[in-house]
PDB file of N, CA and C in Angstrom:
ATOM      1  N   UNK A   1       0.523 -29.895  -1.456  1.00  0.00           N
ATOM      2  CA  UNK A   1       0.233 -28.581  -1.965  1.00  0.00           C
ATOM      3  C   UNK A   1       0.438 -28.617  -3.483  1.00  0.00           C
ATOM      4  N   UNK A   2      -0.603 -28.254  -4.197  1.00  0.00           N
ATOM      5  CA  UNK A   2      -0.546 -28.306  -5.653  1.00  0.00           C
ATOM      6  C   UNK A   2      -0.036 -26.978  -6.213  1.00  0.00           C
ATOM      7  N   UNK A   3       0.467 -27.027  -7.436  1.00  0.00           N
ATOM      8  CA  UNK A   3       0.909 -25.776  -8.073  1.00  0.00           C
ATOM      9  C   UNK A   3      -0.232 -24.769  -8.252  1.00  0.00           C
ATOM     10  N   UNK A   4      -1.439 -25.271  -8.466  1.00  0.00           N
ATOM     11  CA  UNK A   4      -2.583 -24.369  -8.591  1.00  0.00           C
ATOM     12  C   UNK A   4      -2.852 -23.620  -7.293  1.00  0.00           C
ATOM     13  N   UNK A   5      -2.709 -24.326  -6.184  1.00  0.00           N
ATOM     14  CA  UNK A   5      -2.928 -23.695  -4.887  1.00  0.00           C
ATOM     15  C   UNK A   5      -1.864 -22.631  -4.619  1.00  0.00           C
ATOM     16  N   UNK A   6      -0.625 -22.941  -4.941  1.00  0.00           N
ATOM     17  CA  UNK A   6       0.457 -21.977  -4.748  1.00  0.00           C
ATOM     18  C   UNK A   6       0.232 -20.751  -5.631  1.00  0.00           C
ATOM     19  N   UNK A   7      -0.209 -20.972  -6.850  1.00  0.00           N
ATOM     20  CA  UNK A   7      -0.505 -19.860  -7.760  1.00  0.00           C
ATOM     21  C   UNK A   7      -1.640 -19.015  -7.219  1.00  0.00           C
ATOM     22  N   UNK A   8      -2.667 -19.660  -6.694  1.00  0.00           N
ATOM     23  CA  UNK A   8      -3.809 -18.935  -6.134  1.00  0.00           C
ATOM     24  C   UNK A   8      -3.392 -18.073  -4.945  1.00  0.00           C
ATOM     25  N   UNK A   9      -2.659 -18.655  -4.012  1.00  0.00           N
ATOM     26  CA  UNK A   9      -2.221 -17.913  -2.832  1.00  0.00           C
ATOM     27  C   UNK A   9      -1.280 -16.776  -3.226  1.00  0.00           C
ATOM     28  N   UNK A  10      -0.390 -17.030  -4.174  1.00  0.00           N
ATOM     29  CA  UNK A  10       0.537 -15.979  -4.627  1.00  0.00           C
ATOM     30  C   UNK A  10      -0.217 -14.821  -5.265  1.00  0.00           C
ATOM     31  N   UNK A  11      -1.193 -15.147  -6.096  1.00  0.00           N
ATOM     32  CA  UNK A  11      -1.982 -14.100  -6.749  1.00  0.00           C
ATOM     33  C   UNK A  11      -2.761 -13.282  -5.723  1.00  0.00           C
ATOM     34  N   UNK A  12      -3.396 -13.957  -4.776  1.00  0.00           N
ATOM     35  CA  UNK A  12      -4.156 -13.244  -3.751  1.00  0.00           C
ATOM     36  C   UNK A  12      -3.250 -12.383  -2.869  1.00  0.00           C
ATOM     37  N   UNK A  13      -2.050 -12.862  -2.587  1.00  0.00           N
ATOM     38  CA  UNK A  13      -1.101 -12.087  -1.803  1.00  0.00           C
ATOM     39  C   UNK A  13      -0.700 -10.814  -2.539  1.00  0.00           C
ATOM     40  N   UNK A  14      -0.382 -10.930  -3.817  1.00  0.00           N
ATOM     41  CA  UNK A  14       0.013  -9.757  -4.598  1.00  0.00           C
ATOM     42  C   UNK A  14      -1.129  -8.754  -4.731  1.00  0.00           C
ATOM     43  N   UNK A  15      -2.340  -9.245  -4.917  1.00  0.00           N
ATOM     44  CA  UNK A  15      -3.496  -8.341  -5.010  1.00  0.00           C
ATOM     45  C   UNK A  15      -3.703  -7.607  -3.688  1.00  0.00           C
ATOM     46  N   UNK A  16      -3.566  -8.313  -2.568  1.00  0.00           N
ATOM     47  CA  UNK A  16      -3.715  -7.684  -1.255  1.00  0.00           C
ATOM     48  C   UNK A  16      -2.637  -6.635  -1.032  1.00  0.00           C
ATOM     49  N   UNK A  17      -1.412  -6.940  -1.412  1.00  0.00           N
ATOM     50  CA  UNK A  17      -0.323  -5.969  -1.272  1.00  0.00           C
ATOM     51  C   UNK A  17      -0.601  -4.733  -2.120  1.00  0.00           C
ATOM     52  N   UNK A  18      -1.103  -4.916  -3.329  1.00  0.00           N
ATOM     53  CA  UNK A  18      -1.430  -3.771  -4.182  1.00  0.00           C
ATOM     54  C   UNK A  18      -2.557  -2.936  -3.596  1.00  0.00           C
ATOM     55  N   UNK A  19      -3.567  -3.583  -3.028  1.00  0.00           N
ATOM     56  CA  UNK A  19      -4.660  -2.845  -2.394  1.00  0.00           C
ATOM     57  C   UNK A  19      -4.151  -1.966  -1.252  1.00  0.00           C
ATOM     58  N   UNK A  20      -3.217  -2.494  -0.481  1.00  0.00           N
ATOM     59  CA  UNK A  20      -2.745  -1.758   0.684  1.00  0.00           C
ATOM     60  C   UNK A  20      -1.697  -0.706   0.294  1.00  0.00           C
ATOM     61  N   UNK A  21      -0.839  -1.016  -0.651  1.00  0.00           N
ATOM     62  CA  UNK A  21       0.236  -0.081  -1.011  1.00  0.00           C
ATOM     63  C   UNK A  21      -0.223   1.041  -1.935  1.00  0.00           C
ATOM     64  N   UNK A  22      -1.254   0.814  -2.733  1.00  0.00           N
ATOM     65  CA  UNK A  22      -1.668   1.812  -3.721  1.00  0.00           C
ATOM     66  C   UNK A  22      -2.061   3.159  -3.123  1.00  0.00           C
ATOM     67  N   UNK A  23      -2.886   3.231  -2.090  1.00  0.00           N
ATOM     68  CA  UNK A  23      -3.213   4.558  -1.541  1.00  0.00           C
ATOM     69  C   UNK A  23      -1.991   5.299  -0.998  1.00  0.00           C
ATOM     70  N   UNK A  24      -1.092   4.571  -0.372  1.00  0.00           N
ATOM     71  CA  UNK A  24       0.094   5.209   0.201  1.00  0.00           C
ATOM     72  C   UNK A  24       1.007   5.716  -0.911  1.00  0.00           C
ATOM     73  N   UNK A  25       1.268   4.868  -1.895  1.00  0.00           N
ATOM     74  CA  UNK A  25       2.148   5.272  -2.987  1.00  0.00           C
ATOM     75  C   UNK A  25       1.523   6.365  -3.845  1.00  0.00           C
ATOM     76  N   UNK A  26       0.219   6.293  -4.064  1.00  0.00           N
ATOM     77  CA  UNK A  26      -0.461   7.320  -4.852  1.00  0.00           C
ATOM     78  C   UNK A  26      -0.421   8.672  -4.171  1.00  0.00           C
ATOM     79  N   UNK A  27      -0.643   8.677  -2.875  1.00  0.00           N
ATOM     80  CA  UNK A  27      -0.580   9.926  -2.122  1.00  0.00           C
ATOM     81  C   UNK A  27       0.827  10.509  -2.163  1.00  0.00           C
ATOM     82  N   UNK A  28       1.826   9.671  -1.965  1.00  0.00           N
ATOM     83  CA  UNK A  28       3.204  10.132  -2.017  1.00  0.00           C
ATOM     84  C   UNK A  28       3.548  10.690  -3.396  1.00  0.00           C
ATOM     85  N   UNK A  29       3.058  10.034  -4.435  1.00  0.00           N
ATOM     86  CA  UNK A  29       3.301  10.512  -5.797  1.00  0.00           C
ATOM     87  C   UNK A  29       2.674  11.882  -6.022  1.00  0.00           C
ATOM     88  N   UNK A  30       1.430  12.059  -5.601  1.00  0.00           N
ATOM     89  CA  UNK A  30       0.752  13.338  -5.806  1.00  0.00           C
ATOM     90  C   UNK A  30       1.390  14.460  -4.997  1.00  0.00           C
ATOM     91  N   UNK A  31       1.749  14.177  -3.747  1.00  0.00           N
ATOM     92  CA  UNK A  31       2.395  15.201  -2.922  1.00  0.00           C
ATOM     93  C   UNK A  31       3.770  15.543  -3.496  1.00  0.00           C
ATOM     94  N   UNK A  32       4.512  14.543  -3.926  1.00  0.00           N
ATOM     95  CA  UNK A  32       5.822  14.794  -4.525  1.00  0.00           C
ATOM     96  C   UNK A  32       5.723  15.611  -5.799  1.00  0.00           C
ATOM     97  N   UNK A  33       4.710  15.327  -6.607  1.00  0.00           N
ATOM     98  CA  UNK A  33       4.499  16.096  -7.833  1.00  0.00           C
ATOM     99  C   UNK A  33       4.143  17.547  -7.513  1.00  0.00           C
ATOM    100  N   UNK A  34       3.266  17.749  -6.541  1.00  0.00           N
ATOM    101  CA  UNK A  34       2.877  19.110  -6.157  1.00  0.00           C
ATOM    102  C   UNK A  34       4.072  19.887  -5.609  1.00  0.00           C
ATOM    103  N   UNK A  35       4.875  19.249  -4.764  1.00  0.00           N
ATOM    104  CA  UNK A  35       6.051  19.914  -4.209  1.00  0.00           C
ATOM    105  C   UNK A  35       7.067  20.190  -5.308  1.00  0.00           C
ATOM    106  N   UNK A  36       7.244  19.264  -6.234  1.00  0.00           N
ATOM    107  CA  UNK A  36       8.164  19.475  -7.343  1.00  0.00           C
ATOM    108  C   UNK A  36       7.757  20.650  -8.219  1.00  0.00           C
ATOM    109  N   UNK A  37       6.469  20.761  -8.498  1.00  0.00           N
ATOM    110  CA  UNK A  37       5.977  21.898  -9.274  1.00  0.00           C
ATOM    111  C   UNK A  37       6.193  23.195  -8.497  1.00  0.00           C
ATOM    112  N   UNK A  38       5.908  23.163  -7.195  1.00  0.00           N
ATOM    113  CA  UNK A  38       6.127  24.347  -6.357  1.00  0.00           C
ATOM    114  C   UNK A  38       7.600  24.760  -6.363  1.00  0.00           C
ATOM    115  N   UNK A  39       8.496  23.785  -6.263  1.00  0.00           N
ATOM    116  CA  UNK A  39       9.927  24.092  -6.269  1.00  0.00           C
ATOM    117  C   UNK A  39      10.373  24.638  -7.621  1.00  0.00           C
ATOM    118  N   UNK A  40       9.821  24.111  -8.702  1.00  0.00           N
ATOM    119  CA  UNK A  40      10.194  24.605 -10.024  1.00  0.00           C
ATOM    120  C   UNK A  40       9.711  26.031 -10.242  1.00  0.00           C
ATOM    121  N   UNK A  41       8.526  26.344  -9.745  1.00  0.00           N
ATOM    122  CA  UNK A  41       7.967  27.681  -9.927  1.00  0.00           C
ATOM    123  C   UNK A  41       8.705  28.710  -9.076  1.00  0.00           C
ATOM    124  N   UNK A  42       9.045  28.333  -7.849  1.00  0.00           N
ATOM    125  CA  UNK A  42       9.655  29.308  -6.937  1.00  0.00           C
ATOM    126  C   UNK A  42      11.177  29.240  -6.899  1.00  0.00           C
ATOM    127  N   UNK A  43      11.775  28.297  -7.574  1.00  0.00           N
ATOM    128  CA  UNK A  43      13.235  28.098  -7.584  1.00  0.00           C
ATOM    129  C   UNK A  43      13.798  27.840  -6.191  1.00  0.00           C
ATOM    130  N   UNK A  44      13.010  27.244  -5.327  1.00  0.00           N
ATOM    131  CA  UNK A  44      13.473  26.843  -4.002  1.00  0.00           C
ATOM    132  C   UNK A  44      13.824  25.361  -4.084  1.00  0.00           C
ATOM    133  N   UNK A  45      15.062  25.027  -3.775  1.00  0.00           N
ATOM    134  CA  UNK A  45      15.504  23.635  -3.867  1.00  0.00           C
ATOM    135  C   UNK A  45      16.001  23.160  -2.511  1.00  0.00           C
ATOM    136  N   UNK A  46      15.091  23.043  -1.596  1.00  0.00           N
ATOM    137  CA  UNK A  46      15.397  22.591  -0.243  1.00  0.00           C
ATOM    138  C   UNK A  46      14.975  21.130  -0.110  1.00  0.00           C
ATOM    139  N   UNK A  47      15.870  20.282   0.397  1.00  0.00           N
ATOM    140  CA  UNK A  47      15.588  18.847   0.493  1.00  0.00           C
ATOM    141  C   UNK A  47      14.480  18.546   1.505  1.00  0.00           C
ATOM    142  N   UNK A  48      14.423  19.295   2.598  1.00  0.00           N
ATOM    143  CA  UNK A  48      13.388  19.018   3.588  1.00  0.00           C
ATOM    144  C   UNK A  48      12.009  19.394   3.068  1.00  0.00           C
ATOM    145  N   UNK A  49      11.954  20.278   2.083  1.00  0.00           N
ATOM    146  CA  UNK A  49      10.678  20.667   1.506  1.00  0.00           C
ATOM    147  C   UNK A  49      10.025  19.503   0.761  1.00  0.00           C
ATOM    148  N   UNK A  50      10.813  18.565   0.264  1.00  0.00           N
ATOM    149  CA  UNK A  50      10.232  17.401  -0.407  1.00  0.00           C
ATOM    150  C   UNK A  50       9.935  16.272   0.576  1.00  0.00           C
ATOM    151  N   UNK A  51      10.741  16.155   1.623  1.00  0.00           N
ATOM    152  CA  UNK A  51      10.618  15.018   2.533  1.00  0.00           C
ATOM    153  C   UNK A  51       9.487  15.176   3.538  1.00  0.00           C
ATOM    154  N   UNK A  52       9.390  16.310   4.183  1.00  0.00           N
ATOM    155  CA  UNK A  52       8.426  16.502   5.274  1.00  0.00           C
ATOM    156  C   UNK A  52       6.974  16.443   4.798  1.00  0.00           C
ATOM    157  N   UNK A  53       6.597  17.086   3.681  1.00  0.00           N
ATOM    158  CA  UNK A  53       5.197  16.957   3.240  1.00  0.00           C
ATOM    159  C   UNK A  53       4.814  15.518   2.858  1.00  0.00           C
ATOM    160  N   UNK A  54       5.753  14.784   2.277  1.00  0.00           N
ATOM    161  CA  UNK A  54       5.461  13.386   1.937  1.00  0.00           C
ATOM    162  C   UNK A  54       5.232  12.557   3.197  1.00  0.00           C
ATOM    163  N   UNK A  55       6.085  12.746   4.198  1.00  0.00           N
ATOM    164  CA  UNK A  55       5.937  11.998   5.447  1.00  0.00           C
ATOM    165  C   UNK A  55       4.636  12.369   6.159  1.00  0.00           C
ATOM    166  N   UNK A  56       4.284  13.644   6.132  1.00  0.00           N
ATOM    167  CA  UNK A  56       3.034  14.075   6.761  1.00  0.00           C
ATOM    168  C   UNK A  56       1.831  13.470   6.040  1.00  0.00           C
ATOM    169  N   UNK A  57       1.872  13.473   4.704  1.00  0.00           N
ATOM    170  CA  UNK A  57       0.766  12.908   3.920  1.00  0.00           C
ATOM    171  C   UNK A  57       0.633  11.411   4.166  1.00  0.00           C
ATOM    172  N   UNK A  58       1.746  10.703   4.221  1.00  0.00           N
ATOM    173  CA  UNK A  58       1.703   9.259   4.485  1.00  0.00           C
ATOM    174  C   UNK A  58       1.159   9.004   5.891  1.00  0.00           C
ATOM    175  N   UNK A  59       1.566   9.788   6.859  1.00  0.00           N
ATOM    176  CA  UNK A  59       1.048   9.633   8.217  1.00  0.00           C
ATOM    177  C   UNK A  59      -0.451   9.854   8.284  1.00  0.00           C
ATOM    178  N   UNK A  60      -0.935  10.874   7.591  1.00  0.00           N
ATOM    179  CA  UNK A  60      -2.375  11.153   7.576  1.00  0.00           C
ATOM    180  C   UNK A  60      -3.135  10.024   6.887  1.00  0.00           C
ATOM    181  N   UNK A  61      -2.613   9.551   5.756  1.00  0.00           N
ATOM    182  CA  UNK A  61      -3.273   8.447   5.043  1.00  0.00           C
ATOM    183  C   UNK A  61      -3.294   7.194   5.906  1.00  0.00           C
ATOM    184  N   UNK A  62      -2.206   6.922   6.610  1.00  0.00           N
ATOM    185  CA  UNK A  62      -2.184   5.749   7.495  1.00  0.00           C
ATOM    186  C   UNK A  62      -3.205   5.875   8.618  1.00  0.00           C
ATOM    187  N   UNK A  63      -3.342   7.055   9.176  1.00  0.00           N
ATOM    188  CA  UNK A  63      -4.335   7.243  10.243  1.00  0.00           C
ATOM    189  C   UNK A  63      -5.757   7.087   9.718  1.00  0.00           C
ATOM    190  N   UNK A  64      -6.008   7.617   8.538  1.00  0.00           N
ATOM    191  CA  UNK A  64      -7.362   7.559   7.977  1.00  0.00           C
ATOM    192  C   UNK A  64      -7.724   6.156   7.508  1.00  0.00           C
ATOM    193  N   UNK A  65      -6.787   5.477   6.842  1.00  0.00           N
ATOM    194  CA  UNK A  65      -7.104   4.200   6.198  1.00  0.00           C
ATOM    195  C   UNK A  65      -6.728   2.961   7.001  1.00  0.00           C
ATOM    196  N   UNK A  66      -6.231   3.120   8.218  1.00  0.00           N
ATOM    197  CA  UNK A  66      -5.863   1.945   9.011  1.00  0.00           C
ATOM    198  C   UNK A  66      -7.024   0.966   9.209  1.00  0.00           C
ATOM    199  N   UNK A  67      -8.249   1.416   9.499  1.00  0.00           N
ATOM    200  CA  UNK A  67      -9.342   0.434   9.623  1.00  0.00           C
ATOM    201  C   UNK A  67      -9.576  -0.360   8.333  1.00  0.00           C
ATOM    202  N   UNK A  68      -9.477   0.310   7.206  1.00  0.00           N
ATOM    203  CA  UNK A  68      -9.671  -0.395   5.929  1.00  0.00           C
ATOM    204  C   UNK A  68      -8.530  -1.372   5.679  1.00  0.00           C
ATOM    205  N   UNK A  69      -7.281  -0.952   5.968  1.00  0.00           N
ATOM    206  CA  UNK A  69      -6.131  -1.853   5.819  1.00  0.00           C
ATOM    207  C   UNK A  69      -6.326  -3.108   6.661  1.00  0.00           C
ATOM    208  N   UNK A  70      -6.748  -2.915   7.913  1.00  0.00           N
ATOM    209  CA  UNK A  70      -6.952  -4.060   8.802  1.00  0.00           C
ATOM    210  C   UNK A  70      -8.055  -4.978   8.288  1.00  0.00           C
ATOM    211  N   UNK A  71      -9.122  -4.393   7.749  1.00  0.00           N
ATOM    212  CA  UNK A  71     -10.211  -5.206   7.199  1.00  0.00           C
ATOM    213  C   UNK A  71      -9.729  -6.054   6.024  1.00  0.00           C
ATOM    214  N   UNK A  72      -8.952  -5.463   5.135  1.00  0.00           N
ATOM    215  CA  UNK A  72      -8.417  -6.198   3.990  1.00  0.00           C
ATOM    216  C   UNK A  72      -7.487  -7.313   4.461  1.00  0.00           C
ATOM    217  N   UNK A  73      -6.620  -7.019   5.419  1.00  0.00           N
ATOM    218  CA  UNK A  73      -5.699  -8.039   5.918  1.00  0.00           C
ATOM    219  C   UNK A  73      -6.423  -9.160   6.659  1.00  0.00           C
ATOM    220  N   UNK A  74      -7.462  -8.822   7.406  1.00  0.00           N
ATOM    221  CA  UNK A  74      -8.237  -9.856   8.108  1.00  0.00           C
ATOM    222  C   UNK A  74      -8.948 -10.758   7.107  1.00  0.00           C
ATOM    223  N   UNK A  75      -9.532 -10.171   6.070  1.00  0.00           N
ATOM    224  CA  UNK A  75     -10.200 -10.983   5.047  1.00  0.00           C
ATOM    225  C   UNK A  75      -9.208 -11.905   4.350  1.00  0.00           C
ATOM    226  N   UNK A  76      -8.030 -11.389   4.042  1.00  0.00           N
ATOM    227  CA  UNK A  76      -7.013 -12.215   3.392  1.00  0.00           C
ATOM    228  C   UNK A  76      -6.576 -13.359   4.308  1.00  0.00           C
ATOM    229  N   UNK A  77      -6.336 -13.042   5.574  1.00  0.00           N
ATOM    230  CA  UNK A  77      -5.906 -14.070   6.520  1.00  0.00           C
ATOM    231  C   UNK A  77      -6.984 -15.134   6.708  1.00  0.00           C
ATOM    232  N   UNK A  78      -8.244 -14.715   6.794  1.00  0.00           N
ATOM    233  CA  UNK A  78      -9.329 -15.689   6.922  1.00  0.00           C
ATOM    234  C   UNK A  78      -9.411 -16.570   5.683  1.00  0.00           C
ATOM    235  N   UNK A  79      -9.244 -16.005   4.509  1.00  0.00           N
ATOM    236  CA  UNK A  79      -9.289 -16.798   3.273  1.00  0.00           C
ATOM    237  C   UNK A  79      -8.160 -17.824   3.253  1.00  0.00           C
ATOM    238  N   UNK A  80      -6.975 -17.434   3.677  1.00  0.00           N
ATOM    239  CA  UNK A  80      -5.850 -18.369   3.720  1.00  0.00           C
ATOM    240  C   UNK A  80      -6.132 -19.471   4.741  1.00  0.00           C
ATOM    241  N   UNK A  81      -6.674 -19.113   5.889  1.00  0.00           N
ATOM    242  CA  UNK A  81      -6.978 -20.119   6.911  1.00  0.00           C
ATOM    243  C   UNK A  81      -8.061 -21.091   6.442  1.00  0.00           C
ATOM    244  N   UNK A  82      -9.043 -20.591   5.705  1.00  0.00           N
ATOM    245  CA  UNK A  82     -10.089 -21.460   5.180  1.00  0.00           C
ATOM    246  C   UNK A  82      -9.555 -22.420   4.127  1.00  0.00           C
ATOM    247  N   UNK A  83      -8.498 -22.049   3.458  1.00  0.00           N
ATOM    248  CA  UNK A  83      -7.934 -22.885   2.386  1.00  0.00           C
ATOM    249  C   UNK A  83      -7.003 -23.971   2.914  1.00  0.00           C
ATOM    250  N   UNK A  84      -6.581 -23.885   4.158  1.00  0.00           N
ATOM    251  CA  UNK A  84      -5.638 -24.859   4.716  1.00  0.00           C
ATOM    252  C   UNK A  84      -6.167 -26.294   4.646  1.00  0.00           C
ATOM    253  N   UNK A  85      -7.437 -26.573   4.971  1.00  0.00           N
ATOM    254  CA  UNK A  85      -7.890 -27.968   4.895  1.00  0.00           C
ATOM    255  C   UNK A  85      -7.899 -28.540   3.469  1.00  0.00           C
ATOM    256  N   UNK A  86      -7.916 -27.681   2.464  1.00  0.00           N
ATOM    257  CA  UNK A  86      -7.962 -28.156   1.084  1.00  0.00           C
ATOM    258  C   UNK A  86      -6.588 -28.431   0.499  1.00  0.00           C
ATOM    259  N   UNK A  87      -5.558 -28.154   1.274  1.00  0.00           N
ATOM    260  CA  UNK A  87      -4.196 -28.457   0.806  1.00  0.00           C
ATOM    261  C   UNK A  87      -3.988 -29.960   0.867  1.00  0.00           C
ATOM    262  N   UNK A  88      -3.426 -30.499  -0.185  1.00  0.00           N
ATOM    263  CA  UNK A  88      -3.148 -31.944  -0.159  1.00  0.00           C
ATOM    264  C   UNK A  88      -1.840 -32.191   0.558  1.00  0.00           C
ATOM    265  N   UNK A  89      -1.745 -33.291   1.319  1.00  0.00           N
ATOM    266  CA  UNK A  89      -0.530 -33.558   2.103  1.00  0.00           C
ATOM    267  C   UNK A  89       0.665 -33.900   1.268  1.00  0.00           C
TER     268      UNK A  89
END
């Protein structure tokens, strides 16, 4: 296994992780910002008010984007499997 191959696999792994984590983290950020603004405007400081909408949004995003997540992971896994014969012993 050459250093170039390790660098390639590491880079592809990080890119795949970013593709999958970005929609979830972005949604959580937007929902958290909206709830924070709502709490600042109404002076309601309830902890469950921040937690439950974020969890609901993440659940909805996971349900909607699961096919896309699986497609990205399958493509990544196939690419890694195709690269196995090119690894030097």
